[in-house]
């Protein structure tokens, strides 16, 4: 996974699926493309690239409560 792209990992969504991810704490949203499998930590749904995490303001925290929906 290239950390500079707006991408994410998900266990089941098809590669290439576009997903809007919103940080519940600050309301910031980013659209990412699924290009990997994971995350493999219980309780996590998506694993965002560093660029995507930066867009929604979760770099410092490392994790965030999010909402997501398929958009494409």
PDB file of N, CA and C in Angstrom:
ATOM      1  N   UNK A   1       0.858  -1.174   0.000  1.00  0.00           N
ATOM      2  CA  UNK A   1       0.000   0.000   0.000  1.00  0.00           C
ATOM      3  C   UNK A   1       0.907   1.241   0.000  1.00  0.00           C
ATOM      4  N   UNK A   2       0.648   2.177  -0.896  1.00  0.00           N
ATOM      5  CA  UNK A   2       1.417   3.418  -0.950  1.00  0.00           C
ATOM      6  C   UNK A   2       0.768   4.435  -0.020  1.00  0.00           C
ATOM      7  N   UNK A   3       1.497   4.893   0.973  1.00  0.00           N
ATOM      8  CA  UNK A   3       0.965   5.785   2.007  1.00  0.00           C
ATOM      9  C   UNK A   3       0.559   7.151   1.482  1.00  0.00           C
ATOM     10  N   UNK A   4       1.005   7.526   0.281  1.00  0.00           N
ATOM     11  CA  UNK A   4       0.673   8.848  -0.246  1.00  0.00           C
ATOM     12  C   UNK A   4      -0.615   8.848  -1.068  1.00  0.00           C
ATOM     13  N   UNK A   5      -1.194   7.689  -1.310  1.00  0.00           N
ATOM     14  CA  UNK A   5      -2.452   7.590  -2.055  1.00  0.00           C
ATOM     15  C   UNK A   5      -3.629   7.546  -1.092  1.00  0.00           C
ATOM     16  N   UNK A   6      -4.802   7.932  -1.582  1.00  0.00           N
ATOM     17  CA  UNK A   6      -6.026   7.866  -0.765  1.00  0.00           C
ATOM     18  C   UNK A   6      -6.625   6.478  -0.922  1.00  0.00           C
ATOM     19  N   UNK A   7      -6.098   5.545  -0.135  1.00  0.00           N
ATOM     20  CA  UNK A   7      -6.499   4.149  -0.223  1.00  0.00           C
ATOM     21  C   UNK A   7      -6.806   3.603   1.162  1.00  0.00           C
ATOM     22  N   UNK A   8      -7.377   2.386   1.166  1.00  0.00           N
ATOM     23  CA  UNK A   8      -7.701   1.724   2.429  1.00  0.00           C
ATOM     24  C   UNK A   8      -7.737   0.217   2.229  1.00  0.00           C
ATOM     25  N   UNK A   9      -7.644  -0.483   3.346  1.00  0.00           N
ATOM     26  CA  UNK A   9      -7.788  -1.939   3.360  1.00  0.00           C
ATOM     27  C   UNK A   9      -9.110  -2.282   4.042  1.00  0.00           C
ATOM     28  N   UNK A  10      -9.799  -3.300   3.496  1.00  0.00           N
ATOM     29  CA  UNK A  10     -11.048  -3.790   4.071  1.00  0.00           C
ATOM     30  C   UNK A  10     -11.083  -5.295   3.869  1.00  0.00           C
ATOM     31  N   UNK A  11     -11.697  -6.005   4.796  1.00  0.00           N
ATOM     32  CA  UNK A  11     -11.698  -7.475   4.720  1.00  0.00           C
ATOM     33  C   UNK A  11     -12.495  -8.033   3.551  1.00  0.00           C
ATOM     34  N   UNK A  12     -13.635  -7.407   3.196  1.00  0.00           N
ATOM     35  CA  UNK A  12     -14.547  -8.027   2.246  1.00  0.00           C
ATOM     36  C   UNK A  12     -14.861  -7.227   0.990  1.00  0.00           C
ATOM     37  N   UNK A  13     -14.754  -5.914   1.025  1.00  0.00           N
ATOM     38  CA  UNK A  13     -15.108  -5.121  -0.151  1.00  0.00           C
ATOM     39  C   UNK A  13     -14.170  -5.427  -1.318  1.00  0.00           C
ATOM     40  N   UNK A  14     -14.717  -5.380  -2.536  1.00  0.00           N
ATOM     41  CA  UNK A  14     -13.932  -5.662  -3.726  1.00  0.00           C
ATOM     42  C   UNK A  14     -12.874  -4.590  -3.932  1.00  0.00           C
ATOM     43  N   UNK A  15     -11.722  -5.000  -4.441  1.00  0.00           N
ATOM     44  CA  UNK A  15     -10.679  -4.040  -4.780  1.00  0.00           C
ATOM     45  C   UNK A  15     -11.242  -3.050  -5.798  1.00  0.00           C
ATOM     46  N   UNK A  16     -10.898  -1.783  -5.640  1.00  0.00           N
ATOM     47  CA  UNK A  16     -11.385  -0.747  -6.534  1.00  0.00           C
ATOM     48  C   UNK A  16     -12.642  -0.049  -6.042  1.00  0.00           C
ATOM     49  N   UNK A  17     -13.302  -0.608  -5.024  1.00  0.00           N
ATOM     50  CA  UNK A  17     -14.507   0.013  -4.469  1.00  0.00           C
ATOM     51  C   UNK A  17     -14.137   1.346  -3.848  1.00  0.00           C
ATOM     52  N   UNK A  18     -14.945   2.376  -4.122  1.00  0.00           N
ATOM     53  CA  UNK A  18     -14.712   3.691  -3.513  1.00  0.00           C
ATOM     54  C   UNK A  18     -15.611   3.835  -2.302  1.00  0.00           C
ATOM     55  N   UNK A  19     -15.026   4.327  -1.220  1.00  0.00           N
ATOM     56  CA  UNK A  19     -15.713   4.433   0.063  1.00  0.00           C
ATOM     57  C   UNK A  19     -15.493   5.831   0.638  1.00  0.00           C
ATOM     58  N   UNK A  20     -16.581   6.472   1.078  1.00  0.00           N
ATOM     59  CA  UNK A  20     -16.476   7.752   1.784  1.00  0.00           C
ATOM     60  C   UNK A  20     -16.324   7.442   3.267  1.00  0.00           C
ATOM     61  N   UNK A  21     -15.290   7.981   3.875  1.00  0.00           N
ATOM     62  CA  UNK A  21     -14.987   7.739   5.284  1.00  0.00           C
ATOM     63  C   UNK A  21     -15.075   9.077   6.018  1.00  0.00           C
ATOM     64  N   UNK A  22     -15.884   9.114   7.082  1.00  0.00           N
ATOM     65  CA  UNK A  22     -16.064  10.340   7.861  1.00  0.00           C
ATOM     66  C   UNK A  22     -15.613  10.119   9.297  1.00  0.00           C
ATOM     67  N   UNK A  23     -14.786  11.013   9.784  1.00  0.00           N
ATOM     68  CA  UNK A  23     -14.344  11.003  11.168  1.00  0.00           C
ATOM     69  C   UNK A  23     -15.490  11.580  12.008  1.00  0.00           C
ATOM     70  N   UNK A  24     -16.051  10.789  12.912  1.00  0.00           N
ATOM     71  CA  UNK A  24     -17.193  11.238  13.723  1.00  0.00           C
ATOM     72  C   UNK A  24     -16.850  12.400  14.644  1.00  0.00           C
ATOM     73  N   UNK A  25     -15.601  12.508  15.064  1.00  0.00           N
ATOM     74  CA  UNK A  25     -15.206  13.550  16.010  1.00  0.00           C
ATOM     75  C   UNK A  25     -15.214  14.937  15.386  1.00  0.00           C
ATOM     76  N   UNK A  26     -14.745  15.032  14.119  1.00  0.00           N
ATOM     77  CA  UNK A  26     -14.625  16.359  13.515  1.00  0.00           C
ATOM     78  C   UNK A  26     -15.439  16.552  12.234  1.00  0.00           C
ATOM     79  N   UNK A  27     -16.091  15.504  11.749  1.00  0.00           N
ATOM     80  CA  UNK A  27     -16.945  15.611  10.566  1.00  0.00           C
ATOM     81  C   UNK A  27     -16.201  15.644   9.237  1.00  0.00           C
ATOM     82  N   UNK A  28     -14.882  15.516   9.246  1.00  0.00           N
ATOM     83  CA  UNK A  28     -14.115  15.537   7.995  1.00  0.00           C
ATOM     84  C   UNK A  28     -14.292  14.219   7.256  1.00  0.00           C
ATOM     85  N   UNK A  29     -14.388  14.334   5.909  1.00  0.00           N
ATOM     86  CA  UNK A  29     -14.634  13.167   5.064  1.00  0.00           C
ATOM     87  C   UNK A  29     -13.582  13.069   3.974  1.00  0.00           C
ATOM     88  N   UNK A  30     -13.232  11.830   3.610  1.00  0.00           N
ATOM     89  CA  UNK A  30     -12.323  11.565   2.499  1.00  0.00           C
ATOM     90  C   UNK A  30     -12.877  10.362   1.727  1.00  0.00           C
ATOM     91  N   UNK A  31     -12.689  10.358   0.411  1.00  0.00           N
ATOM     92  CA  UNK A  31     -13.073   9.204  -0.409  1.00  0.00           C
ATOM     93  C   UNK A  31     -11.804   8.419  -0.708  1.00  0.00           C
ATOM     94  N   UNK A  32     -11.846   7.132  -0.394  1.00  0.00           N
ATOM     95  CA  UNK A  32     -10.693   6.249  -0.601  1.00  0.00           C
ATOM     96  C   UNK A  32     -11.072   5.104  -1.515  1.00  0.00           C
ATOM     97  N   UNK A  33     -10.053   4.462  -2.079  1.00  0.00           N
ATOM     98  CA  UNK A  33     -10.251   3.282  -2.916  1.00  0.00           C
ATOM     99  C   UNK A  33      -9.694   2.080  -2.175  1.00  0.00           C
ATOM    100  N   UNK A  34     -10.459   1.009  -2.128  1.00  0.00           N
ATOM    101  CA  UNK A  34     -10.013  -0.226  -1.474  1.00  0.00           C
ATOM    102  C   UNK A  34      -8.981  -0.898  -2.377  1.00  0.00           C
ATOM    103  N   UNK A  35      -7.781  -1.140  -1.828  1.00  0.00           N
ATOM    104  CA  UNK A  35      -6.727  -1.771  -2.628  1.00  0.00           C
ATOM    105  C   UNK A  35      -5.955  -2.833  -1.856  1.00  0.00           C
ATOM    106  N   UNK A  36      -6.486  -3.217  -0.689  1.00  0.00           N
ATOM    107  CA  UNK A  36      -5.747  -4.180   0.140  1.00  0.00           C
ATOM    108  C   UNK A  36      -6.728  -4.897   1.063  1.00  0.00           C
ATOM    109  N   UNK A  37      -6.280  -5.990   1.672  1.00  0.00           N
ATOM    110  CA  UNK A  37      -7.067  -6.723   2.660  1.00  0.00           C
ATOM    111  C   UNK A  37      -6.594  -6.349   4.057  1.00  0.00           C
ATOM    112  N   UNK A  38      -7.499  -6.417   4.991  1.00  0.00           N
ATOM    113  CA  UNK A  38      -7.196  -6.068   6.371  1.00  0.00           C
ATOM    114  C   UNK A  38      -8.308  -5.185   6.880  1.00  0.00           C
ATOM    115  N   UNK A  39      -8.226  -4.593   7.991  1.00  0.00           N
ATOM    116  CA  UNK A  39      -7.185  -4.770   8.993  1.00  0.00           C
ATOM    117  C   UNK A  39      -7.355  -6.103   9.711  1.00  0.00           C
ATOM    118  N   UNK A  40      -6.326  -6.528  10.367  1.00  0.00           N
ATOM    119  CA  UNK A  40      -6.346  -7.821  11.036  1.00  0.00           C
ATOM    120  C   UNK A  40      -6.362  -7.687  12.548  1.00  0.00           C
ATOM    121  N   UNK A  41      -6.772  -6.526  13.018  1.00  0.00           N
ATOM    122  CA  UNK A  41      -6.919  -6.282  14.455  1.00  0.00           C
ATOM    123  C   UNK A  41      -8.403  -6.256  14.779  1.00  0.00           C
ATOM    124  N   UNK A  42      -8.814  -7.082  15.730  1.00  0.00           N
ATOM    125  CA  UNK A  42     -10.220  -7.207  16.108  1.00  0.00           C
ATOM    126  C   UNK A  42     -10.831  -5.841  16.433  1.00  0.00           C
ATOM    127  N   UNK A  43     -12.037  -5.613  15.911  1.00  0.00           N
ATOM    128  CA  UNK A  43     -12.754  -4.379  16.198  1.00  0.00           C
ATOM    129  C   UNK A  43     -12.506  -3.257  15.195  1.00  0.00           C
ATOM    130  N   UNK A  44     -11.548  -3.425  14.306  1.00  0.00           N
ATOM    131  CA  UNK A  44     -11.282  -2.406  13.291  1.00  0.00           C
ATOM    132  C   UNK A  44     -11.908  -2.819  11.975  1.00  0.00           C
ATOM    133  N   UNK A  45     -12.421  -1.829  11.251  1.00  0.00           N
ATOM    134  CA  UNK A  45     -13.139  -2.091  10.003  1.00  0.00           C
ATOM    135  C   UNK A  45     -12.308  -1.708   8.788  1.00  0.00           C
ATOM    136  N   UNK A  46     -11.638  -0.572   8.849  1.00  0.00           N
ATOM    137  CA  UNK A  46     -10.821  -0.073   7.745  1.00  0.00           C
ATOM    138  C   UNK A  46      -9.415   0.244   8.241  1.00  0.00           C
ATOM    139  N   UNK A  47      -8.471   0.108   7.345  1.00  0.00           N
ATOM    140  CA  UNK A  47      -7.107   0.537   7.612  1.00  0.00           C
ATOM    141  C   UNK A  47      -6.780   1.568   6.540  1.00  0.00           C
ATOM    142  N   UNK A  48      -6.705   2.839   6.918  1.00  0.00           N
ATOM    143  CA  UNK A  48      -6.489   3.926   5.965  1.00  0.00           C
ATOM    144  C   UNK A  48      -5.007   4.166   5.715  1.00  0.00           C
ATOM    145  N   UNK A  49      -4.698   4.609   4.489  1.00  0.00           N
ATOM    146  CA  UNK A  49      -3.334   5.049   4.203  1.00  0.00           C
ATOM    147  C   UNK A  49      -3.044   6.304   5.027  1.00  0.00           C
ATOM    148  N   UNK A  50      -1.772   6.645   5.151  1.00  0.00           N
ATOM    149  CA  UNK A  50      -1.396   7.828   5.922  1.00  0.00           C
ATOM    150  C   UNK A  50      -2.011   9.090   5.323  1.00  0.00           C
ATOM    151  N   UNK A  51      -2.056   9.183   4.001  1.00  0.00           N
ATOM    152  CA  UNK A  51      -2.643  10.356   3.339  1.00  0.00           C
ATOM    153  C   UNK A  51      -4.128  10.483   3.660  1.00  0.00           C
ATOM    154  N   UNK A  52      -4.851   9.375   3.626  1.00  0.00           N
ATOM    155  CA  UNK A  52      -6.287   9.401   3.930  1.00  0.00           C
ATOM    156  C   UNK A  52      -6.516   9.751   5.396  1.00  0.00           C
ATOM    157  N   UNK A  53      -5.720   9.175   6.278  1.00  0.00           N
ATOM    158  CA  UNK A  53      -5.843   9.479   7.709  1.00  0.00           C
ATOM    159  C   UNK A  53      -5.574  10.957   7.967  1.00  0.00           C
ATOM    160  N   UNK A  54      -4.615  11.520   7.253  1.00  0.00           N
ATOM    161  CA  UNK A  54      -4.299  12.938   7.398  1.00  0.00           C
ATOM    162  C   UNK A  54      -5.473  13.816   6.967  1.00  0.00           C
ATOM    163  N   UNK A  55      -6.139  13.437   5.878  1.00  0.00           N
ATOM    164  CA  UNK A  55      -7.277  14.211   5.370  1.00  0.00           C
ATOM    165  C   UNK A  55      -8.415  14.311   6.383  1.00  0.00           C
ATOM    166  N   UNK A  56      -8.605  13.283   7.196  1.00  0.00           N
ATOM    167  CA  UNK A  56      -9.716  13.334   8.155  1.00  0.00           C
ATOM    168  C   UNK A  56      -9.248  13.614   9.580  1.00  0.00           C
ATOM    169  N   UNK A  57      -7.996  13.998   9.727  1.00  0.00           N
ATOM    170  CA  UNK A  57      -7.495  14.455  11.014  1.00  0.00           C
ATOM    171  C   UNK A  57      -7.299  13.394  12.071  1.00  0.00           C
ATOM    172  N   UNK A  58      -6.790  12.225  11.666  1.00  0.00           N
ATOM    173  CA  UNK A  58      -6.571  11.178  12.672  1.00  0.00           C
ATOM    174  C   UNK A  58      -5.126  10.707  12.741  1.00  0.00           C
ATOM    175  N   UNK A  59      -4.199  11.500  12.238  1.00  0.00           N
ATOM    176  CA  UNK A  59      -2.782  11.118  12.293  1.00  0.00           C
ATOM    177  C   UNK A  59      -2.280  11.039  13.730  1.00  0.00           C
ATOM    178  N   UNK A  60      -2.579  12.024  14.537  1.00  0.00           N
ATOM    179  CA  UNK A  60      -2.073  12.041  15.913  1.00  0.00           C
ATOM    180  C   UNK A  60      -2.671  10.938  16.776  1.00  0.00           C
ATOM    181  N   UNK A  61      -3.964  10.660  16.593  1.00  0.00           N
ATOM    182  CA  UNK A  61      -4.620   9.647  17.419  1.00  0.00           C
ATOM    183  C   UNK A  61      -4.325   8.230  16.948  1.00  0.00           C
ATOM    184  N   UNK A  62      -4.119   8.050  15.654  1.00  0.00           N
ATOM    185  CA  UNK A  62      -3.847   6.718  15.114  1.00  0.00           C
ATOM    186  C   UNK A  62      -5.092   5.908  14.832  1.00  0.00           C
ATOM    187  N   UNK A  63      -6.135   6.103  15.620  1.00  0.00           N
ATOM    188  CA  UNK A  63      -7.425   5.455  15.371  1.00  0.00           C
ATOM    189  C   UNK A  63      -8.518   6.501  15.570  1.00  0.00           C
ATOM    190  N   UNK A  64      -9.686   6.211  15.011  1.00  0.00           N
ATOM    191  CA  UNK A  64     -10.808   7.141  15.157  1.00  0.00           C
ATOM    192  C   UNK A  64     -12.110   6.387  14.984  1.00  0.00           C
ATOM    193  N   UNK A  65     -13.148   6.904  15.580  1.00  0.00           N
ATOM    194  CA  UNK A  65     -14.496   6.399  15.360  1.00  0.00           C
ATOM    195  C   UNK A  65     -14.968   7.006  14.046  1.00  0.00           C
ATOM    196  N   UNK A  66     -15.371   6.148  13.097  1.00  0.00           N
ATOM    197  CA  UNK A  66     -15.737   6.622  11.763  1.00  0.00           C
ATOM    198  C   UNK A  66     -17.087   6.102  11.319  1.00  0.00           C
ATOM    199  N   UNK A  67     -17.619   6.725  10.285  1.00  0.00           N
ATOM    200  CA  UNK A  67     -18.748   6.207   9.507  1.00  0.00           C
ATOM    201  C   UNK A  67     -18.205   6.002   8.101  1.00  0.00           C
ATOM    202  N   UNK A  68     -18.668   4.967   7.411  1.00  0.00           N
ATOM    203  CA  UNK A  68     -18.244   4.824   6.034  1.00  0.00           C
ATOM    204  C   UNK A  68     -19.393   4.296   5.194  1.00  0.00           C
ATOM    205  N   UNK A  69     -19.334   4.650   3.892  1.00  0.00           N
ATOM    206  CA  UNK A  69     -20.359   4.164   2.954  1.00  0.00           C
ATOM    207  C   UNK A  69     -19.731   4.021   1.576  1.00  0.00           C
ATOM    208  N   UNK A  70     -20.190   3.042   0.833  1.00  0.00           N
ATOM    209  CA  UNK A  70     -19.717   2.818  -0.527  1.00  0.00           C
ATOM    210  C   UNK A  70     -20.308   3.908  -1.409  1.00  0.00           C
ATOM    211  N   UNK A  71     -19.486   4.540  -2.245  1.00  0.00           N
ATOM    212  CA  UNK A  71     -19.951   5.632  -3.092  1.00  0.00           C
ATOM    213  C   UNK A  71     -19.796   5.368  -4.574  1.00  0.00           C
ATOM    214  N   UNK A  72     -19.146   4.309  -4.970  1.00  0.00           N
ATOM    215  CA  UNK A  72     -18.917   4.130  -6.405  1.00  0.00           C
ATOM    216  C   UNK A  72     -19.168   2.761  -6.916  1.00  0.00           C
TER     217      UNK A  72
END
